Amino acid sequence: MWRSLFLALGVSSAILGAEALAIEKAVLKQPESAPANSAVKEINPPEWAPWSLMAGGAVVILYSFTIPRRVNT
């Protein structure tokens, strides 16, 4: 169970880092029930975020392969 959890976290982090590398900014859509004059939310990832997320994800993926498949308790 732990192995699959760490593998999923590592893959998710690496994918998020690749997405942050590909985009300049993300504009979040407002729900239709929100007032018309509400502020639009923009997410601007810092320059260090894509590389850090991809590197951290790669380390976690490699770590997940070192966890034993089954631990006898």
N, C-alpha and C. Protein backbone atom coordinates (compact mmCIF):
# COMPACT_ATOMS: atom_id res chain seq x y z
N MET A 1 0.82 -1.19 0.00
CA MET A 1 0.00 0.00 0.00
C MET A 1 0.86 1.26 0.00
N TRP A 2 1.92 1.26 0.82
CA TRP A 2 2.77 2.45 0.89
C TRP A 2 3.48 2.69 -0.44
N ARG A 3 3.85 1.59 -1.09
CA ARG A 3 4.56 1.72 -2.36
C ARG A 3 3.69 2.42 -3.39
N SER A 4 2.45 2.02 -3.51
CA SER A 4 1.56 2.63 -4.49
C SER A 4 1.22 4.08 -4.13
N LEU A 5 1.14 4.37 -2.83
CA LEU A 5 0.87 5.75 -2.40
C LEU A 5 2.02 6.67 -2.81
N PHE A 6 3.26 6.26 -2.52
CA PHE A 6 4.40 7.09 -2.88
C PHE A 6 4.57 7.19 -4.40
N LEU A 7 4.29 6.12 -5.11
CA LEU A 7 4.36 6.17 -6.56
C LEU A 7 3.35 7.16 -7.12
N ALA A 8 2.13 7.14 -6.61
CA ALA A 8 1.09 8.08 -7.07
C ALA A 8 1.47 9.52 -6.74
N LEU A 9 2.00 9.76 -5.55
CA LEU A 9 2.42 11.12 -5.18
C LEU A 9 3.56 11.61 -6.07
N GLY A 10 4.51 10.74 -6.36
CA GLY A 10 5.64 11.12 -7.21
C GLY A 10 5.22 11.42 -8.64
N VAL A 11 4.34 10.59 -9.20
CA VAL A 11 3.87 10.81 -10.56
C VAL A 11 3.04 12.08 -10.64
N SER A 12 2.19 12.31 -9.63
CA SER A 12 1.38 13.53 -9.62
C SER A 12 2.25 14.78 -9.53
N SER A 13 3.27 14.72 -8.70
CA SER A 13 4.17 15.86 -8.56
C SER A 13 4.94 16.12 -9.86
N ALA A 14 5.40 15.08 -10.50
CA ALA A 14 6.14 15.24 -11.76
C ALA A 14 5.23 15.80 -12.86
N ILE A 15 3.99 15.34 -12.92
CA ILE A 15 3.05 15.85 -13.93
C ILE A 15 2.72 17.31 -13.66
N LEU A 16 2.51 17.66 -12.39
CA LEU A 16 2.24 19.06 -12.04
C LEU A 16 3.42 19.95 -12.40
N GLY A 17 4.63 19.46 -12.19
CA GLY A 17 5.82 20.22 -12.57
C GLY A 17 5.92 20.41 -14.08
N ALA A 18 5.59 19.37 -14.85
CA ALA A 18 5.62 19.49 -16.31
C ALA A 18 4.56 20.47 -16.80
N GLU A 19 3.39 20.46 -16.16
CA GLU A 19 2.35 21.42 -16.53
C GLU A 19 2.79 22.85 -16.20
N ALA A 20 3.42 23.04 -15.05
CA ALA A 20 3.89 24.38 -14.67
C ALA A 20 4.99 24.87 -15.61
N LEU A 21 5.75 23.93 -16.19
CA LEU A 21 6.79 24.30 -17.14
C LEU A 21 6.18 24.75 -18.46
N ALA A 22 5.03 24.18 -18.81
CA ALA A 22 4.42 24.46 -20.10
C ALA A 22 3.56 25.72 -20.12
N ILE A 23 3.08 26.16 -18.96
CA ILE A 23 2.18 27.31 -18.94
C ILE A 23 2.88 28.54 -18.37
N GLU A 24 2.39 29.70 -18.75
CA GLU A 24 2.90 30.96 -18.20
C GLU A 24 2.06 31.40 -17.02
N LYS A 25 0.73 31.24 -17.15
CA LYS A 25 -0.18 31.53 -16.05
C LYS A 25 -1.47 30.75 -16.26
N ALA A 26 -2.18 30.53 -15.17
CA ALA A 26 -3.47 29.83 -15.23
C ALA A 26 -4.54 30.77 -14.70
N VAL A 27 -5.63 30.92 -15.45
CA VAL A 27 -6.75 31.75 -15.03
C VAL A 27 -7.88 30.82 -14.62
N LEU A 28 -8.32 30.96 -13.36
CA LEU A 28 -9.37 30.10 -12.84
C LEU A 28 -10.74 30.65 -13.19
N LYS A 29 -11.61 29.78 -13.63
CA LYS A 29 -12.96 30.16 -14.02
C LYS A 29 -13.80 30.42 -12.77
N GLN A 30 -14.59 31.48 -12.81
CA GLN A 30 -15.48 31.81 -11.70
C GLN A 30 -16.78 31.03 -11.84
N PRO A 31 -17.36 30.59 -10.74
CA PRO A 31 -18.66 29.92 -10.84
C PRO A 31 -19.74 30.90 -11.28
N GLU A 32 -20.77 30.38 -11.91
CA GLU A 32 -21.83 31.25 -12.44
C GLU A 32 -22.58 31.97 -11.33
N SER A 33 -22.57 31.43 -10.12
CA SER A 33 -23.29 32.06 -9.02
C SER A 33 -22.50 33.21 -8.40
N ALA A 34 -21.23 33.39 -8.81
CA ALA A 34 -20.41 34.47 -8.26
C ALA A 34 -20.85 35.82 -8.84
N PRO A 35 -20.69 36.89 -8.07
CA PRO A 35 -21.04 38.21 -8.60
C PRO A 35 -20.19 38.57 -9.81
N ALA A 36 -20.74 39.39 -10.68
CA ALA A 36 -20.05 39.73 -11.93
C ALA A 36 -18.78 40.54 -11.69
N ASN A 37 -18.72 41.28 -10.60
CA ASN A 37 -17.55 42.14 -10.37
C ASN A 37 -16.50 41.45 -9.49
N SER A 38 -16.60 40.14 -9.29
CA SER A 38 -15.60 39.45 -8.47
C SER A 38 -14.27 39.36 -9.22
N ALA A 39 -13.21 39.32 -8.46
CA ALA A 39 -11.87 39.30 -9.05
C ALA A 39 -11.58 37.95 -9.69
N VAL A 40 -10.89 37.98 -10.81
CA VAL A 40 -10.46 36.76 -11.50
C VAL A 40 -9.19 36.27 -10.82
N LYS A 41 -9.13 34.98 -10.54
CA LYS A 41 -7.95 34.41 -9.89
C LYS A 41 -6.97 33.92 -10.94
N GLU A 42 -5.74 34.39 -10.84
CA GLU A 42 -4.66 33.96 -11.72
C GLU A 42 -3.57 33.30 -10.89
N ILE A 43 -3.04 32.22 -11.40
CA ILE A 43 -1.93 31.54 -10.74
C ILE A 43 -0.72 31.65 -11.65
N ASN A 44 0.32 32.29 -11.13
CA ASN A 44 1.59 32.44 -11.86
C ASN A 44 2.64 31.60 -11.13
N PRO A 45 3.01 30.44 -11.68
CA PRO A 45 4.00 29.62 -10.98
C PRO A 45 5.38 30.29 -11.02
N PRO A 46 6.10 30.30 -9.90
CA PRO A 46 7.44 30.88 -9.90
C PRO A 46 8.39 30.06 -10.78
N GLU A 47 9.51 30.65 -11.13
CA GLU A 47 10.44 29.99 -12.06
C GLU A 47 11.02 28.70 -11.49
N TRP A 48 11.15 28.60 -10.19
CA TRP A 48 11.76 27.42 -9.58
C TRP A 48 10.77 26.27 -9.43
N ALA A 49 9.49 26.52 -9.50
CA ALA A 49 8.48 25.50 -9.21
C ALA A 49 8.50 24.30 -10.17
N PRO A 50 8.54 24.50 -11.50
CA PRO A 50 8.49 23.32 -12.38
C PRO A 50 9.64 22.35 -12.15
N TRP A 51 10.85 22.89 -12.05
CA TRP A 51 12.01 22.01 -11.91
C TRP A 51 12.03 21.34 -10.55
N SER A 52 11.62 22.05 -9.52
CA SER A 52 11.59 21.46 -8.18
C SER A 52 10.54 20.36 -8.08
N LEU A 53 9.37 20.60 -8.67
CA LEU A 53 8.32 19.58 -8.63
C LEU A 53 8.71 18.34 -9.43
N MET A 54 9.30 18.54 -10.59
CA MET A 54 9.71 17.38 -11.40
C MET A 54 10.84 16.61 -10.73
N ALA A 55 11.82 17.32 -10.15
CA ALA A 55 12.92 16.64 -9.48
C ALA A 55 12.44 15.92 -8.23
N GLY A 56 11.62 16.58 -7.44
CA GLY A 56 11.07 15.93 -6.24
C GLY A 56 10.22 14.73 -6.60
N GLY A 57 9.42 14.85 -7.65
CA GLY A 57 8.61 13.72 -8.09
C GLY A 57 9.47 12.56 -8.54
N ALA A 58 10.56 12.84 -9.24
CA ALA A 58 11.45 11.77 -9.69
C ALA A 58 12.10 11.06 -8.50
N VAL A 59 12.49 11.82 -7.48
CA VAL A 59 13.10 11.22 -6.29
C VAL A 59 12.09 10.34 -5.57
N VAL A 60 10.85 10.81 -5.44
CA VAL A 60 9.82 10.02 -4.76
C VAL A 60 9.48 8.76 -5.57
N ILE A 61 9.46 8.87 -6.89
CA ILE A 61 9.21 7.68 -7.73
C ILE A 61 10.32 6.65 -7.53
N LEU A 62 11.57 7.10 -7.55
CA LEU A 62 12.68 6.18 -7.32
C LEU A 62 12.62 5.57 -5.92
N TYR A 63 12.22 6.37 -4.93
CA TYR A 63 12.09 5.85 -3.57
C TYR A 63 10.99 4.79 -3.50
N SER A 64 9.92 5.01 -4.24
CA SER A 64 8.81 4.04 -4.17
C SER A 64 9.23 2.67 -4.69
N PHE A 65 10.20 2.62 -5.60
CA PHE A 65 10.67 1.33 -6.10
C PHE A 65 11.58 0.61 -5.12
N THR A 66 12.12 1.32 -4.12
CA THR A 66 12.97 0.67 -3.12
C THR A 66 12.18 0.12 -1.96
N ILE A 67 10.91 0.50 -1.81
CA ILE A 67 10.07 -0.03 -0.74
C ILE A 67 9.72 -1.47 -1.08
N PRO A 68 9.85 -2.38 -0.13
CA PRO A 68 9.51 -3.79 -0.42
C PRO A 68 8.06 -3.93 -0.82
N ARG A 69 7.80 -4.90 -1.70
CA ARG A 69 6.41 -5.11 -2.16
C ARG A 69 5.49 -5.51 -1.03
N ARG A 70 5.94 -6.38 -0.15
CA ARG A 70 5.09 -6.85 0.94
C ARG A 70 5.96 -7.02 2.18
N VAL A 71 5.48 -6.48 3.27
CA VAL A 71 6.20 -6.60 4.53
C VAL A 71 5.48 -7.64 5.37
N ASN A 72 6.19 -8.64 5.82
CA ASN A 72 5.58 -9.68 6.67
C ASN A 72 5.51 -9.16 8.10
N THR A 73 4.32 -9.13 8.65
CA THR A 73 4.16 -8.66 10.02
C THR A 73 3.71 -9.77 10.93
